[in-house]
């Protein structure tokens, strides 16, 4: 069973940067695509970025293009999300997710089999 643990969230001023990390353990050989999702209060969970099994291709949401960068290190079983030029709309709980049946980057919630507990990102003005 795969376990995912996020870290790196916190409170940051608008215009600032954060780096989120996700550490995977237990059965990591089964992980294919991975992704970062976020969920703000009263809103649906949305995918902000996803990455293929080998890290060769990525998919970013239009709202974060040019500001968010996803990457992974399969040797270390980690995934990161570099977030730049944060704004108030980025305030949300950010979740790490891993798929075991999909190799390509995907934004579909139902494509992912494993989820982390989430880390809060709050952008202050």
Protein backbone atom coordinates (compact mmCIF):
# COMPACT_ATOMS: atom_id res chain seq x y z
CA UNK A 1 0.00 0.00 0.00
CA UNK A 2 1.38 3.36 -1.05
CA UNK A 3 1.58 6.13 1.51
CA UNK A 4 1.99 9.77 0.50
CA UNK A 5 3.08 12.56 2.82
CA UNK A 6 3.07 16.22 1.82
CA UNK A 7 5.18 18.96 3.36
CA UNK A 8 6.09 22.57 2.70
CA UNK A 9 2.79 24.35 3.12
CA UNK A 10 2.38 27.49 5.18
CA UNK A 11 1.45 31.15 5.15
CA UNK A 12 3.10 33.31 2.51
CA UNK A 13 2.58 36.84 1.30
CA UNK A 14 1.09 37.50 -2.10
CA UNK A 15 3.80 37.45 -4.72
CA UNK A 16 5.93 35.03 -2.75
CA UNK A 17 6.96 31.44 -3.44
CA UNK A 18 6.59 28.02 -1.86
CA UNK A 19 7.95 24.59 -2.58
CA UNK A 20 5.72 21.65 -1.75
CA UNK A 21 7.12 18.15 -1.43
CA UNK A 22 5.51 14.73 -1.50
CA UNK A 23 7.28 11.65 -0.19
CA UNK A 24 6.02 8.23 -1.24
CA UNK A 25 6.62 4.97 0.57
CA UNK A 26 5.37 1.37 0.51
CA UNK A 27 4.78 -0.21 -2.88
CA UNK A 28 6.22 2.69 -4.84
CA UNK A 29 6.99 0.35 -7.74
CA UNK A 30 3.30 0.50 -8.61
CA UNK A 31 3.16 4.29 -8.98
CA UNK A 32 2.62 5.62 -12.48
CA UNK A 33 1.40 9.20 -12.99
CA UNK A 34 1.42 11.60 -10.07
CA UNK A 35 -0.33 14.87 -9.51
CA UNK A 36 -0.95 17.83 -7.27
CA UNK A 37 -4.52 18.82 -6.47
CA UNK A 38 -5.94 21.62 -4.40
CA UNK A 39 -9.24 22.24 -2.71
CA UNK A 40 -10.44 25.56 -1.38
CA UNK A 41 -13.38 25.80 1.06
CA UNK A 42 -16.66 25.19 -0.70
CA UNK A 43 -15.00 24.26 -3.96
CA UNK A 44 -14.31 21.00 -5.75
CA UNK A 45 -10.89 19.42 -5.72
CA UNK A 46 -8.98 20.47 -8.85
CA UNK A 47 -5.79 19.27 -10.43
CA UNK A 48 -3.15 21.97 -10.73
CA UNK A 49 -0.39 19.83 -12.22
CA UNK A 50 0.38 16.24 -13.09
CA UNK A 51 3.42 14.38 -14.34
CA UNK A 52 4.01 11.17 -16.23
CA UNK A 53 5.62 8.09 -14.73
CA UNK A 54 9.06 8.94 -16.07
CA UNK A 55 8.68 12.67 -15.61
CA UNK A 56 9.02 13.35 -19.30
CA UNK A 57 5.69 15.08 -19.71
CA UNK A 58 3.55 17.30 -17.55
CA UNK A 59 0.09 18.82 -17.59
CA UNK A 60 -0.66 22.15 -15.92
CA UNK A 61 -3.98 23.83 -15.26
CA UNK A 62 -4.49 27.06 -17.20
CA UNK A 63 -4.80 29.00 -13.96
CA UNK A 64 -1.26 28.10 -12.90
CA UNK A 65 0.65 27.97 -16.17
CA UNK A 66 3.94 29.77 -15.89
CA UNK A 67 3.76 29.91 -12.08
CA UNK A 68 3.68 26.27 -10.96
CA UNK A 69 6.31 23.68 -11.84
CA UNK A 70 5.92 20.00 -11.09
CA UNK A 71 8.81 17.55 -10.96
CA UNK A 72 9.58 14.10 -9.58
CA UNK A 73 12.61 12.05 -8.59
CA UNK A 74 11.77 8.38 -8.90
CA UNK A 75 15.07 7.32 -7.34
CA UNK A 76 14.07 9.19 -4.17
CA UNK A 77 10.33 8.52 -4.48
CA UNK A 78 9.57 12.21 -4.21
CA UNK A 79 7.56 14.78 -6.13
CA UNK A 80 7.70 18.53 -5.78
CA UNK A 81 5.59 21.52 -6.76
CA UNK A 82 7.35 24.85 -7.06
CA UNK A 83 4.82 27.66 -6.71
CA UNK A 84 5.77 31.21 -7.69
CA UNK A 85 3.94 34.55 -7.69
CA UNK A 86 1.32 33.31 -5.27
CA UNK A 87 -2.01 35.11 -5.12
CA UNK A 88 -5.07 34.89 -2.89
CA UNK A 89 -6.77 32.44 -5.25
CA UNK A 90 -4.02 29.92 -4.55
CA UNK A 91 -5.14 29.57 -0.94
CA UNK A 92 -6.24 25.96 -0.49
CA UNK A 93 -5.30 22.58 0.88
CA UNK A 94 -2.86 20.96 -1.53
CA UNK A 95 -2.89 17.20 -2.00
CA UNK A 96 -0.37 14.83 -3.50
CA UNK A 97 -1.84 11.96 -5.51
CA UNK A 98 -0.50 8.85 -7.22
CA UNK A 99 -2.01 6.66 -9.91
CA UNK A 100 -1.32 2.97 -10.44
CA UNK A 101 -3.30 2.54 -13.68
CA UNK A 102 -2.46 5.65 -15.69
CA UNK A 103 0.99 6.44 -17.04
CA UNK A 104 0.34 9.75 -18.80
CA UNK A 105 -0.28 13.02 -16.94
CA UNK A 106 -3.93 13.29 -16.02
CA UNK A 107 -6.13 15.75 -14.20
CA UNK A 108 -8.92 13.32 -13.48
CA UNK A 109 -9.58 12.77 -9.79
CA UNK A 110 -10.81 9.23 -10.46
CA UNK A 111 -7.55 8.31 -12.18
CA UNK A 112 -5.69 8.48 -8.87
CA UNK A 113 -5.59 5.65 -6.37
CA UNK A 114 -3.57 7.09 -3.50
CA UNK A 115 -3.83 10.43 -1.72
CA UNK A 116 -1.88 12.28 0.89
CA UNK A 117 -3.43 14.03 3.88
CA UNK A 118 -2.91 17.48 2.40
CA UNK A 119 -0.95 20.56 3.35
CA UNK A 120 -2.46 24.02 3.82
CA UNK A 121 -1.25 26.92 1.73
CA UNK A 122 -2.50 30.34 2.78
CA UNK A 123 -1.67 33.48 0.84
CA UNK A 124 -1.92 36.72 2.79
CA UNK A 125 -2.33 40.13 1.19
